[in-house]
């Protein structure tokens, strides 16, 4: 078994208990090598480091963008392109909602005077 499951290439394995054979791993277009910046980040952090989901989301988005740009055709490419589009729209919507919230806060502060 590889240390990182995303690097497991597709192969047939057997169950030790019953002998049933099944496919394990990922098709070659889905197998990814560890990103150098991820391994550098991981080596400098101790277990006491705080988890920051915004950093992880940014890394995941960048990694998916590179994968889509590098591979012109693969089975779920349309899904990945749509996912990137929806994430970008979500970011824009979040920005717009923050602007509306700031405007409401200003109106509320001015109306209490």
PDB file of N, CA and C in Angstrom:
ATOM      1  N   UNK A   1       0.834  -1.195   0.000  1.00  0.00           N
ATOM      2  CA  UNK A   1       0.000   0.000   0.000  1.00  0.00           C
ATOM      3  C   UNK A   1       0.875   1.253   0.000  1.00  0.00           C
ATOM      4  N   UNK A   2       0.543   2.211  -0.843  1.00  0.00           N
ATOM      5  CA  UNK A   2       1.321   3.446  -0.837  1.00  0.00           C
ATOM      6  C   UNK A   2       0.993   4.271   0.401  1.00  0.00           C
ATOM      7  N   UNK A   3       1.935   5.132   0.764  1.00  0.00           N
ATOM      8  CA  UNK A   3       1.723   5.994   1.938  1.00  0.00           C
ATOM      9  C   UNK A   3       0.579   6.971   1.697  1.00  0.00           C
ATOM     10  N   UNK A   4       0.441   7.428   0.456  1.00  0.00           N
ATOM     11  CA  UNK A   4      -0.632   8.352   0.094  1.00  0.00           C
ATOM     12  C   UNK A   4      -1.553   7.615  -0.868  1.00  0.00           C
ATOM     13  N   UNK A   5      -2.806   7.476  -0.497  1.00  0.00           N
ATOM     14  CA  UNK A   5      -3.744   6.695  -1.305  1.00  0.00           C
ATOM     15  C   UNK A   5      -3.917   7.247  -2.714  1.00  0.00           C
ATOM     16  N   UNK A   6      -3.763   8.544  -2.906  1.00  0.00           N
ATOM     17  CA  UNK A   6      -3.968   9.118  -4.239  1.00  0.00           C
ATOM     18  C   UNK A   6      -2.889   8.701  -5.227  1.00  0.00           C
ATOM     19  N   UNK A   7      -1.821   8.065  -4.753  1.00  0.00           N
ATOM     20  CA  UNK A   7      -0.770   7.611  -5.658  1.00  0.00           C
ATOM     21  C   UNK A   7      -0.880   6.120  -5.969  1.00  0.00           C
ATOM     22  N   UNK A   8      -1.951   5.467  -5.505  1.00  0.00           N
ATOM     23  CA  UNK A   8      -2.135   4.034  -5.751  1.00  0.00           C
ATOM     24  C   UNK A   8      -2.645   3.824  -7.162  1.00  0.00           C
ATOM     25  N   UNK A   9      -1.835   3.178  -7.988  1.00  0.00           N
ATOM     26  CA  UNK A   9      -2.291   2.915  -9.354  1.00  0.00           C
ATOM     27  C   UNK A   9      -3.231   1.710  -9.350  1.00  0.00           C
ATOM     28  N   UNK A  10      -4.089   1.647 -10.352  1.00  0.00           N
ATOM     29  CA  UNK A  10      -5.120   0.616 -10.440  1.00  0.00           C
ATOM     30  C   UNK A  10      -4.482  -0.763 -10.635  1.00  0.00           C
ATOM     31  N   UNK A  11      -4.881  -1.702  -9.787  1.00  0.00           N
ATOM     32  CA  UNK A  11      -4.396  -3.073  -9.910  1.00  0.00           C
ATOM     33  C   UNK A  11      -5.419  -4.011  -9.287  1.00  0.00           C
ATOM     34  N   UNK A  12      -5.279  -5.279  -9.584  1.00  0.00           N
ATOM     35  CA  UNK A  12      -6.189  -6.271  -9.029  1.00  0.00           C
ATOM     36  C   UNK A  12      -5.551  -6.863  -7.778  1.00  0.00           C
ATOM     37  N   UNK A  13      -6.328  -6.914  -6.713  1.00  0.00           N
ATOM     38  CA  UNK A  13      -5.846  -7.478  -5.447  1.00  0.00           C
ATOM     39  C   UNK A  13      -6.826  -8.530  -4.971  1.00  0.00           C
ATOM     40  N   UNK A  14      -6.376  -9.383  -4.072  1.00  0.00           N
ATOM     41  CA  UNK A  14      -7.234 -10.442  -3.542  1.00  0.00           C
ATOM     42  C   UNK A  14      -7.404 -10.313  -2.043  1.00  0.00           C
ATOM     43  N   UNK A  15      -8.584 -10.689  -1.571  1.00  0.00           N
ATOM     44  CA  UNK A  15      -8.875 -10.682  -0.137  1.00  0.00           C
ATOM     45  C   UNK A  15      -8.164 -11.890   0.488  1.00  0.00           C
ATOM     46  N   UNK A  16      -7.436 -11.672   1.555  1.00  0.00           N
ATOM     47  CA  UNK A  16      -6.717 -12.765   2.209  1.00  0.00           C
ATOM     48  C   UNK A  16      -7.674 -13.752   2.869  1.00  0.00           C
ATOM     49  N   UNK A  17      -8.802 -13.255   3.343  1.00  0.00           N
ATOM     50  CA  UNK A  17      -9.743 -14.118   4.063  1.00  0.00           C
ATOM     51  C   UNK A  17     -10.543 -15.027   3.128  1.00  0.00           C
ATOM     52  N   UNK A  18     -11.121 -14.440   2.074  1.00  0.00           N
ATOM     53  CA  UNK A  18     -12.018 -15.240   1.228  1.00  0.00           C
ATOM     54  C   UNK A  18     -11.479 -15.507  -0.172  1.00  0.00           C
ATOM     55  N   UNK A  19     -10.421 -14.821  -0.586  1.00  0.00           N
ATOM     56  CA  UNK A  19      -9.855 -15.033  -1.908  1.00  0.00           C
ATOM     57  C   UNK A  19     -10.528 -14.236  -3.010  1.00  0.00           C
ATOM     58  N   UNK A  20     -11.569 -13.457  -2.697  1.00  0.00           N
ATOM     59  CA  UNK A  20     -12.265 -12.637  -3.700  1.00  0.00           C
ATOM     60  C   UNK A  20     -11.282 -11.642  -4.304  1.00  0.00           C
ATOM     61  N   UNK A  21     -11.325 -11.472  -5.618  1.00  0.00           N
ATOM     62  CA  UNK A  21     -10.436 -10.542  -6.316  1.00  0.00           C
ATOM     63  C   UNK A  21     -11.223  -9.301  -6.711  1.00  0.00           C
ATOM     64  N   UNK A  22     -10.597  -8.131  -6.559  1.00  0.00           N
ATOM     65  CA  UNK A  22     -11.256  -6.875  -6.886  1.00  0.00           C
ATOM     66  C   UNK A  22     -10.205  -5.848  -7.298  1.00  0.00           C
ATOM     67  N   UNK A  23     -10.699  -4.785  -7.959  1.00  0.00           N
ATOM     68  CA  UNK A  23      -9.810  -3.706  -8.412  1.00  0.00           C
ATOM     69  C   UNK A  23      -9.564  -2.749  -7.258  1.00  0.00           C
ATOM     70  N   UNK A  24      -8.313  -2.334  -7.111  1.00  0.00           N
ATOM     71  CA  UNK A  24      -7.940  -1.377  -6.068  1.00  0.00           C
ATOM     72  C   UNK A  24      -7.090  -0.280  -6.702  1.00  0.00           C
ATOM     73  N   UNK A  25      -7.306   0.945  -6.295  1.00  0.00           N
ATOM     74  CA  UNK A  25      -6.502   2.073  -6.752  1.00  0.00           C
ATOM     75  C   UNK A  25      -7.238   2.942  -7.742  1.00  0.00           C
ATOM     76  N   UNK A  26      -6.484   3.736  -8.459  1.00  0.00           N
ATOM     77  CA  UNK A  26      -7.040   4.727  -9.363  1.00  0.00           C
ATOM     78  C   UNK A  26      -6.502   4.523 -10.775  1.00  0.00           C
ATOM     79  N   UNK A  27      -7.317   4.871 -11.761  1.00  0.00           N
ATOM     80  CA  UNK A  27      -6.879   4.847 -13.152  1.00  0.00           C
ATOM     81  C   UNK A  27      -5.727   5.840 -13.311  1.00  0.00           C
ATOM     82  N   UNK A  28      -4.840   5.623 -14.287  1.00  0.00           N
ATOM     83  CA  UNK A  28      -3.647   6.474 -14.418  1.00  0.00           C
ATOM     84  C   UNK A  28      -3.939   7.976 -14.475  1.00  0.00           C
ATOM     85  N   UNK A  29      -5.052   8.381 -15.092  1.00  0.00           N
ATOM     86  CA  UNK A  29      -5.315   9.825 -15.181  1.00  0.00           C
ATOM     87  C   UNK A  29      -5.674  10.445 -13.837  1.00  0.00           C
ATOM     88  N   UNK A  30      -6.008   9.611 -12.840  1.00  0.00           N
ATOM     89  CA  UNK A  30      -6.351  10.128 -11.523  1.00  0.00           C
ATOM     90  C   UNK A  30      -5.209  10.029 -10.519  1.00  0.00           C
ATOM     91  N   UNK A  31      -4.177   9.278 -10.845  1.00  0.00           N
ATOM     92  CA  UNK A  31      -3.049   9.120  -9.926  1.00  0.00           C
ATOM     93  C   UNK A  31      -2.229  10.392  -9.976  1.00  0.00           C
ATOM     94  N   UNK A  32      -1.975  10.948  -8.815  1.00  0.00           N
ATOM     95  CA  UNK A  32      -1.237  12.198  -8.746  1.00  0.00           C
ATOM     96  C   UNK A  32       0.020  12.015  -7.918  1.00  0.00           C
ATOM     97  N   UNK A  33       1.055  12.680  -8.328  1.00  0.00           N
ATOM     98  CA  UNK A  33       2.281  12.697  -7.539  1.00  0.00           C
ATOM     99  C   UNK A  33       2.126  13.761  -6.461  1.00  0.00           C
ATOM    100  N   UNK A  34       2.760  13.569  -5.319  1.00  0.00           N
ATOM    101  CA  UNK A  34       2.665  14.590  -4.273  1.00  0.00           C
ATOM    102  C   UNK A  34       3.193  15.924  -4.788  1.00  0.00           C
ATOM    103  N   UNK A  35       2.464  16.996  -4.521  1.00  0.00           N
ATOM    104  CA  UNK A  35       2.912  18.320  -4.928  1.00  0.00           C
ATOM    105  C   UNK A  35       4.097  18.739  -4.063  1.00  0.00           C
ATOM    106  N   UNK A  36       5.137  19.324  -4.682  1.00  0.00           N
ATOM    107  CA  UNK A  36       6.303  19.725  -3.885  1.00  0.00           C
ATOM    108  C   UNK A  36       5.936  20.733  -2.805  1.00  0.00           C
ATOM    109  N   UNK A  37       5.041  21.683  -3.123  1.00  0.00           N
ATOM    110  CA  UNK A  37       4.691  22.679  -2.113  1.00  0.00           C
ATOM    111  C   UNK A  37       3.906  22.065  -0.964  1.00  0.00           C
ATOM    112  N   UNK A  38       3.153  20.998  -1.228  1.00  0.00           N
ATOM    113  CA  UNK A  38       2.438  20.328  -0.148  1.00  0.00           C
ATOM    114  C   UNK A  38       3.401  19.595   0.765  1.00  0.00           C
ATOM    115  N   UNK A  39       4.398  18.921   0.198  1.00  0.00           N
ATOM    116  CA  UNK A  39       5.345  18.204   1.039  1.00  0.00           C
ATOM    117  C   UNK A  39       6.217  19.175   1.819  1.00  0.00           C
ATOM    118  N   UNK A  40       6.526  20.335   1.222  1.00  0.00           N
ATOM    119  CA  UNK A  40       7.292  21.336   1.961  1.00  0.00           C
ATOM    120  C   UNK A  40       6.479  21.903   3.108  1.00  0.00           C
ATOM    121  N   UNK A  41       5.192  22.144   2.862  1.00  0.00           N
ATOM    122  CA  UNK A  41       4.332  22.635   3.941  1.00  0.00           C
ATOM    123  C   UNK A  41       4.220  21.601   5.048  1.00  0.00           C
ATOM    124  N   UNK A  42       4.057  20.354   4.669  1.00  0.00           N
ATOM    125  CA  UNK A  42       3.874  19.305   5.653  1.00  0.00           C
ATOM    126  C   UNK A  42       5.115  19.054   6.478  1.00  0.00           C
ATOM    127  N   UNK A  43       6.305  19.219   5.900  1.00  0.00           N
ATOM    128  CA  UNK A  43       7.529  18.942   6.641  1.00  0.00           C
ATOM    129  C   UNK A  43       7.812  20.009   7.686  1.00  0.00           C
ATOM    130  N   UNK A  44       7.366  21.237   7.460  1.00  0.00           N
ATOM    131  CA  UNK A  44       7.637  22.314   8.400  1.00  0.00           C
ATOM    132  C   UNK A  44       6.635  22.401   9.524  1.00  0.00           C
ATOM    133  N   UNK A  45       5.494  21.750   9.365  1.00  0.00           N
ATOM    134  CA  UNK A  45       4.446  21.858  10.374  1.00  0.00           C
ATOM    135  C   UNK A  45       4.574  20.737  11.379  1.00  0.00           C
ATOM    136  N   UNK A  46       4.352  21.083  12.607  1.00  0.00           N
ATOM    137  CA  UNK A  46       4.274  20.073  13.640  1.00  0.00           C
ATOM    138  C   UNK A  46       2.829  19.647  13.813  1.00  0.00           C
ATOM    139  N   UNK A  47       2.612  18.689  14.681  1.00  0.00           N
ATOM    140  CA  UNK A  47       1.248  18.232  14.904  1.00  0.00           C
ATOM    141  C   UNK A  47       0.429  19.282  15.640  1.00  0.00           C
ATOM    142  N   UNK A  48       1.107  20.240  16.259  1.00  0.00           N
ATOM    143  CA  UNK A  48       0.387  21.273  17.003  1.00  0.00           C
ATOM    144  C   UNK A  48      -0.096  22.420  16.115  1.00  0.00           C
ATOM    145  N   UNK A  49       0.288  22.419  14.837  1.00  0.00           N
ATOM    146  CA  UNK A  49      -0.120  23.480  13.922  1.00  0.00           C
ATOM    147  C   UNK A  49      -1.630  23.460  13.725  1.00  0.00           C
ATOM    148  N   UNK A  50      -2.206  24.651  13.662  1.00  0.00           N
ATOM    149  CA  UNK A  50      -3.659  24.777  13.509  1.00  0.00           C
ATOM    150  C   UNK A  50      -4.063  24.460  12.073  1.00  0.00           C
ATOM    151  N   UNK A  51      -5.203  23.839  11.928  1.00  0.00           N
ATOM    152  CA  UNK A  51      -5.745  23.509  10.609  1.00  0.00           C
ATOM    153  C   UNK A  51      -6.447  24.737  10.068  1.00  0.00           C
ATOM    154  N   UNK A  52      -6.081  25.148   8.877  1.00  0.00           N
ATOM    155  CA  UNK A  52      -6.693  26.302   8.241  1.00  0.00           C
ATOM    156  C   UNK A  52      -7.386  25.838   6.966  1.00  0.00           C
ATOM    157  N   UNK A  53      -8.728  25.696   6.999  1.00  0.00           N
ATOM    158  CA  UNK A  53      -9.430  25.169   5.821  1.00  0.00           C
ATOM    159  C   UNK A  53      -9.302  26.060   4.596  1.00  0.00           C
ATOM    160  N   UNK A  54      -9.136  27.369   4.766  1.00  0.00           N
ATOM    161  CA  UNK A  54      -9.018  28.239   3.599  1.00  0.00           C
ATOM    162  C   UNK A  54      -7.736  27.944   2.827  1.00  0.00           C
ATOM    163  N   UNK A  55      -6.666  27.605   3.531  1.00  0.00           N
ATOM    164  CA  UNK A  55      -5.417  27.251   2.866  1.00  0.00           C
ATOM    165  C   UNK A  55      -5.595  25.930   2.122  1.00  0.00           C
ATOM    166  N   UNK A  56      -6.220  24.962   2.776  1.00  0.00           N
ATOM    167  CA  UNK A  56      -6.427  23.652   2.150  1.00  0.00           C
ATOM    168  C   UNK A  56      -7.316  23.765   0.914  1.00  0.00           C
ATOM    169  N   UNK A  57      -8.351  24.583   0.972  1.00  0.00           N
ATOM    170  CA  UNK A  57      -9.247  24.773  -0.178  1.00  0.00           C
ATOM    171  C   UNK A  57      -8.488  25.413  -1.332  1.00  0.00           C
ATOM    172  N   UNK A  58      -7.670  26.404  -1.022  1.00  0.00           N
ATOM    173  CA  UNK A  58      -6.880  27.058  -2.062  1.00  0.00           C
ATOM    174  C   UNK A  58      -5.914  26.103  -2.737  1.00  0.00           C
ATOM    175  N   UNK A  59      -5.269  25.259  -1.940  1.00  0.00           N
ATOM    176  CA  UNK A  59      -4.337  24.274  -2.496  1.00  0.00           C
ATOM    177  C   UNK A  59      -5.089  23.273  -3.366  1.00  0.00           C
ATOM    178  N   UNK A  60      -6.245  22.798  -2.873  1.00  0.00           N
ATOM    179  CA  UNK A  60      -7.035  21.824  -3.638  1.00  0.00           C
ATOM    180  C   UNK A  60      -7.536  22.424  -4.950  1.00  0.00           C
ATOM    181  N   UNK A  61      -7.972  23.679  -4.913  1.00  0.00           N
ATOM    182  CA  UNK A  61      -8.461  24.338  -6.126  1.00  0.00           C
ATOM    183  C   UNK A  61      -7.338  24.488  -7.143  1.00  0.00           C
ATOM    184  N   UNK A  62      -6.178  24.917  -6.687  1.00  0.00           N
ATOM    185  CA  UNK A  62      -5.042  25.087  -7.592  1.00  0.00           C
ATOM    186  C   UNK A  62      -4.620  23.750  -8.196  1.00  0.00           C
ATOM    187  N   UNK A  63      -4.617  22.716  -7.402  1.00  0.00           N
ATOM    188  CA  UNK A  63      -4.230  21.388  -7.875  1.00  0.00           C
ATOM    189  C   UNK A  63      -5.227  20.870  -8.926  1.00  0.00           C
ATOM    190  N   UNK A  64      -6.534  21.055  -8.674  1.00  0.00           N
ATOM    191  CA  UNK A  64      -7.537  20.633  -9.638  1.00  0.00           C
ATOM    192  C   UNK A  64      -7.436  21.451 -10.917  1.00  0.00           C
ATOM    193  N   UNK A  65      -7.175  22.744 -10.803  1.00  0.00           N
ATOM    194  CA  UNK A  65      -7.024  23.599 -11.989  1.00  0.00           C
ATOM    195  C   UNK A  65      -5.861  23.131 -12.847  1.00  0.00           C
ATOM    196  N   UNK A  66      -4.742  22.798 -12.214  1.00  0.00           N
ATOM    197  CA  UNK A  66      -3.589  22.307 -12.972  1.00  0.00           C
ATOM    198  C   UNK A  66      -3.902  20.980 -13.648  1.00  0.00           C
ATOM    199  N   UNK A  67      -4.628  20.104 -12.944  1.00  0.00           N
ATOM    200  CA  UNK A  67      -4.977  18.803 -13.510  1.00  0.00           C
ATOM    201  C   UNK A  67      -5.862  18.975 -14.745  1.00  0.00           C
ATOM    202  N   UNK A  68      -6.871  19.839 -14.651  1.00  0.00           N
ATOM    203  CA  UNK A  68      -7.777  20.080 -15.774  1.00  0.00           C
ATOM    204  C   UNK A  68      -7.022  20.704 -16.948  1.00  0.00           C
ATOM    205  N   UNK A  69      -6.106  21.624 -16.661  1.00  0.00           N
ATOM    206  CA  UNK A  69      -5.352  22.272 -17.726  1.00  0.00           C
ATOM    207  C   UNK A  69      -4.376  21.307 -18.396  1.00  0.00           C
ATOM    208  N   UNK A  70      -3.815  20.399 -17.634  1.00  0.00           N
ATOM    209  CA  UNK A  70      -2.817  19.466 -18.159  1.00  0.00           C
ATOM    210  C   UNK A  70      -3.433  18.356 -18.992  1.00  0.00           C
ATOM    211  N   UNK A  71      -4.611  17.875 -18.600  1.00  0.00           N
ATOM    212  CA  UNK A  71      -5.237  16.739 -19.278  1.00  0.00           C
ATOM    213  C   UNK A  71      -6.454  17.226 -20.070  1.00  0.00           C
ATOM    214  N   UNK A  72      -6.341  17.153 -21.382  1.00  0.00           N
ATOM    215  CA  UNK A  72      -7.414  17.650 -22.252  1.00  0.00           C
ATOM    216  C   UNK A  72      -8.646  16.766 -22.208  1.00  0.00           C
ATOM    217  N   UNK A  73      -8.467  15.477 -22.038  1.00  0.00           N
ATOM    218  CA  UNK A  73      -9.605  14.569 -22.012  1.00  0.00           C
ATOM    219  C   UNK A  73      -9.406  13.506 -20.947  1.00  0.00           C
ATOM    220  N   UNK A  74     -10.386  13.358 -20.100  1.00  0.00           N
ATOM    221  CA  UNK A  74     -10.484  12.234 -19.175  1.00  0.00           C
ATOM    222  C   UNK A  74     -11.939  12.107 -18.764  1.00  0.00           C
ATOM    223  N   UNK A  75     -12.274  11.015 -18.139  1.00  0.00           N
ATOM    224  CA  UNK A  75     -13.669  10.635 -17.904  1.00  0.00           C
ATOM    225  C   UNK A  75     -14.490  11.722 -17.199  1.00  0.00           C
ATOM    226  N   UNK A  76     -13.999  12.304 -16.131  1.00  0.00           N
ATOM    227  CA  UNK A  76     -14.779  13.262 -15.340  1.00  0.00           C
ATOM    228  C   UNK A  76     -14.329  14.708 -15.529  1.00  0.00           C
ATOM    229  N   UNK A  77     -13.734  15.038 -16.660  1.00  0.00           N
ATOM    230  CA  UNK A  77     -13.230  16.394 -16.874  1.00  0.00           C
ATOM    231  C   UNK A  77     -14.357  17.424 -16.847  1.00  0.00           C
ATOM    232  N   UNK A  78     -15.488  17.116 -17.471  1.00  0.00           N
ATOM    233  CA  UNK A  78     -16.615  18.054 -17.461  1.00  0.00           C
ATOM    234  C   UNK A  78     -17.069  18.349 -16.037  1.00  0.00           C
ATOM    235  N   UNK A  79     -17.114  17.314 -15.209  1.00  0.00           N
ATOM    236  CA  UNK A  79     -17.497  17.502 -13.811  1.00  0.00           C
ATOM    237  C   UNK A  79     -16.505  18.416 -13.096  1.00  0.00           C
ATOM    238  N   UNK A  80     -15.209  18.224 -13.344  1.00  0.00           N
ATOM    239  CA  UNK A  80     -14.192  19.032 -12.686  1.00  0.00           C
ATOM    240  C   UNK A  80     -14.238  20.488 -13.141  1.00  0.00           C
ATOM    241  N   UNK A  81     -14.460  20.707 -14.445  1.00  0.00           N
ATOM    242  CA  UNK A  81     -14.580  22.075 -14.952  1.00  0.00           C
ATOM    243  C   UNK A  81     -15.793  22.759 -14.324  1.00  0.00           C
ATOM    244  N   UNK A  82     -16.906  22.031 -14.239  1.00  0.00           N
ATOM    245  CA  UNK A  82     -18.106  22.589 -13.610  1.00  0.00           C
ATOM    246  C   UNK A  82     -17.851  22.886 -12.138  1.00  0.00           C
ATOM    247  N   UNK A  83     -17.155  22.002 -11.443  1.00  0.00           N
ATOM    248  CA  UNK A  83     -16.838  22.226 -10.036  1.00  0.00           C
ATOM    249  C   UNK A  83     -16.003  23.487  -9.858  1.00  0.00           C
ATOM    250  N   UNK A  84     -14.986  23.670 -10.698  1.00  0.00           N
ATOM    251  CA  UNK A  84     -14.175  24.889 -10.610  1.00  0.00           C
ATOM    252  C   UNK A  84     -15.007  26.133 -10.871  1.00  0.00           C
ATOM    253  N   UNK A  85     -15.912  26.055 -11.840  1.00  0.00           N
ATOM    254  CA  UNK A  85     -16.798  27.181 -12.144  1.00  0.00           C
ATOM    255  C   UNK A  85     -17.690  27.499 -10.943  1.00  0.00           C
ATOM    256  N   UNK A  86     -18.261  26.464 -10.329  1.00  0.00           N
ATOM    257  CA  UNK A  86     -19.146  26.683  -9.178  1.00  0.00           C
ATOM    258  C   UNK A  86     -18.393  27.232  -7.971  1.00  0.00           C
ATOM    259  N   UNK A  87     -17.168  26.789  -7.771  1.00  0.00           N
ATOM    260  CA  UNK A  87     -16.364  27.318  -6.667  1.00  0.00           C
ATOM    261  C   UNK A  87     -16.070  28.794  -6.903  1.00  0.00           C
ATOM    262  N   UNK A  88     -15.736  29.165  -8.146  1.00  0.00           N
ATOM    263  CA  UNK A  88     -15.500  30.579  -8.459  1.00  0.00           C
ATOM    264  C   UNK A  88     -16.766  31.398  -8.254  1.00  0.00           C
ATOM    265  N   UNK A  89     -17.908  30.874  -8.678  1.00  0.00           N
ATOM    266  CA  UNK A  89     -19.171  31.592  -8.476  1.00  0.00           C
ATOM    267  C   UNK A  89     -19.480  31.726  -6.988  1.00  0.00           C
ATOM    268  N   UNK A  90     -19.186  30.693  -6.212  1.00  0.00           N
ATOM    269  CA  UNK A  90     -19.383  30.751  -4.768  1.00  0.00           C
ATOM    270  C   UNK A  90     -18.530  31.836  -4.132  1.00  0.00           C
ATOM    271  N   UNK A  91     -17.283  31.971  -4.601  1.00  0.00           N
ATOM    272  CA  UNK A  91     -16.411  33.031  -4.092  1.00  0.00           C
ATOM    273  C   UNK A  91     -16.968  34.409  -4.422  1.00  0.00           C
ATOM    274  N   UNK A  92     -17.449  34.573  -5.655  1.00  0.00           N
ATOM    275  CA  UNK A  92     -18.039  35.865  -6.040  1.00  0.00           C
ATOM    276  C   UNK A  92     -19.288  36.161  -5.219  1.00  0.00           C
ATOM    277  N   UNK A  93     -20.117  35.147  -5.014  1.00  0.00           N
ATOM    278  CA  UNK A  93     -21.325  35.325  -4.220  1.00  0.00           C
ATOM    279  C   UNK A  93     -20.976  35.681  -2.779  1.00  0.00           C
ATOM    280  N   UNK A  94     -19.953  35.028  -2.231  1.00  0.00           N
ATOM    281  CA  UNK A  94     -19.507  35.335  -0.872  1.00  0.00           C
ATOM    282  C   UNK A  94     -19.048  36.788  -0.776  1.00  0.00           C
ATOM    283  N   UNK A  95     -18.316  37.255  -1.798  1.00  0.00           N
ATOM    284  CA  UNK A  95     -17.862  38.650  -1.826  1.00  0.00           C
ATOM    285  C   UNK A  95     -19.049  39.605  -1.895  1.00  0.00           C
ATOM    286  N   UNK A  96     -20.007  39.296  -2.755  1.00  0.00           N
ATOM    287  CA  UNK A  96     -21.193  40.148  -2.888  1.00  0.00           C
ATOM    288  C   UNK A  96     -22.003  40.188  -1.586  1.00  0.00           C
ATOM    289  N   UNK A  97     -22.178  39.043  -0.954  1.00  0.00           N
ATOM    290  CA  UNK A  97     -22.922  39.001   0.309  1.00  0.00           C
ATOM    291  C   UNK A  97     -22.207  39.777   1.408  1.00  0.00           C
ATOM    292  N   UNK A  98     -20.874  39.729   1.403  1.00  0.00           N
ATOM    293  CA  UNK A  98     -20.112  40.521   2.371  1.00  0.00           C
ATOM    294  C   UNK A  98     -20.329  42.006   2.144  1.00  0.00           C
ATOM    295  N   UNK A  99     -20.394  42.406   0.878  1.00  0.00           N
ATOM    296  CA  UNK A  99     -20.651  43.816   0.552  1.00  0.00           C
ATOM    297  C   UNK A  99     -22.037  44.238   1.023  1.00  0.00           C
ATOM    298  N   UNK A 100     -23.028  43.380   0.802  1.00  0.00           N
ATOM    299  CA  UNK A 100     -24.392  43.685   1.248  1.00  0.00           C
ATOM    300  C   UNK A 100     -24.434  43.778   2.775  1.00  0.00           C
ATOM    301  N   UNK A 101     -23.758  42.881   3.465  1.00  0.00           N
ATOM    302  CA  UNK A 101     -23.726  42.904   4.934  1.00  0.00           C
ATOM    303  C   UNK A 101     -23.090  44.192   5.446  1.00  0.00           C
ATOM    304  N   UNK A 102     -21.973  44.623   4.808  1.00  0.00           N
ATOM    305  CA  UNK A 102     -21.342  45.881   5.218  1.00  0.00           C
ATOM    306  C   UNK A 102     -22.285  47.056   4.998  1.00  0.00           C
ATOM    307  N   UNK A 103     -23.005  47.069   3.869  1.00  0.00           N
ATOM    308  CA  UNK A 103     -23.947  48.159   3.598  1.00  0.00           C
ATOM    309  C   UNK A 103     -25.068  48.172   4.630  1.00  0.00           C
ATOM    310  N   UNK A 104     -25.588  47.006   4.993  1.00  0.00           N
ATOM    311  CA  UNK A 104     -26.648  46.928   6.003  1.00  0.00           C
ATOM    312  C   UNK A 104     -26.130  47.401   7.353  1.00  0.00           C
ATOM    313  N   UNK A 105     -24.900  47.022   7.699  1.00  0.00           N
ATOM    314  CA  UNK A 105     -24.312  47.471   8.965  1.00  0.00           C
ATOM    315  C   UNK A 105     -24.193  49.000   9.011  1.00  0.00           C
ATOM    316  N   UNK A 106     -23.761  49.598   7.900  1.00  0.00           N
ATOM    317  CA  UNK A 106     -23.630  51.056   7.837  1.00  0.00           C
ATOM    318  C   UNK A 106     -25.003  51.708   7.981  1.00  0.00           C
ATOM    319  N   UNK A 107     -26.007  51.195   7.275  1.00  0.00           N
ATOM    320  CA  UNK A 107     -27.369  51.745   7.355  1.00  0.00           C
ATOM    321  C   UNK A 107     -27.911  51.605   8.777  1.00  0.00           C
ATOM    322  N   UNK A 108     -27.665  50.455   9.392  1.00  0.00           N
ATOM    323  CA  UNK A 108     -28.144  50.247  10.765  1.00  0.00           C
ATOM    324  C   UNK A 108     -27.481  51.197  11.742  1.00  0.00           C
ATOM    325  N   UNK A 109     -26.187  51.449  11.605  1.00  0.00           N
ATOM    326  CA  UNK A 109     -25.474  52.374  12.497  1.00  0.00           C
ATOM    327  C   UNK A 109     -25.957  53.804  12.291  1.00  0.00           C
ATOM    328  N   UNK A 110     -26.205  54.187  11.048  1.00  0.00           N
ATOM    329  CA  UNK A 110     -26.668  55.551  10.772  1.00  0.00           C
ATOM    330  C   UNK A 110     -28.099  55.769  11.241  1.00  0.00           C
ATOM    331  N   UNK A 111     -28.929  54.736  11.209  1.00  0.00           N
ATOM    332  CA  UNK A 111     -30.325  54.908  11.601  1.00  0.00           C
ATOM    333  C   UNK A 111     -30.492  54.956  13.121  1.00  0.00           C
ATOM    334  N   UNK A 112     -29.510  54.503  13.882  1.00  0.00           N
ATOM    335  CA  UNK A 112     -29.620  54.555  15.344  1.00  0.00           C
ATOM    336  C   UNK A 112     -29.236  55.902  15.896  1.00  0.00           C
ATOM    337  N   UNK A 113     -28.687  56.783  15.110  1.00  0.00           N
ATOM    338  CA  UNK A 113     -28.262  58.116  15.582  1.00  0.00           C
ATOM    339  C   UNK A 113     -29.398  59.041  15.686  1.00  0.00           C
TER     340      UNK A 113
END
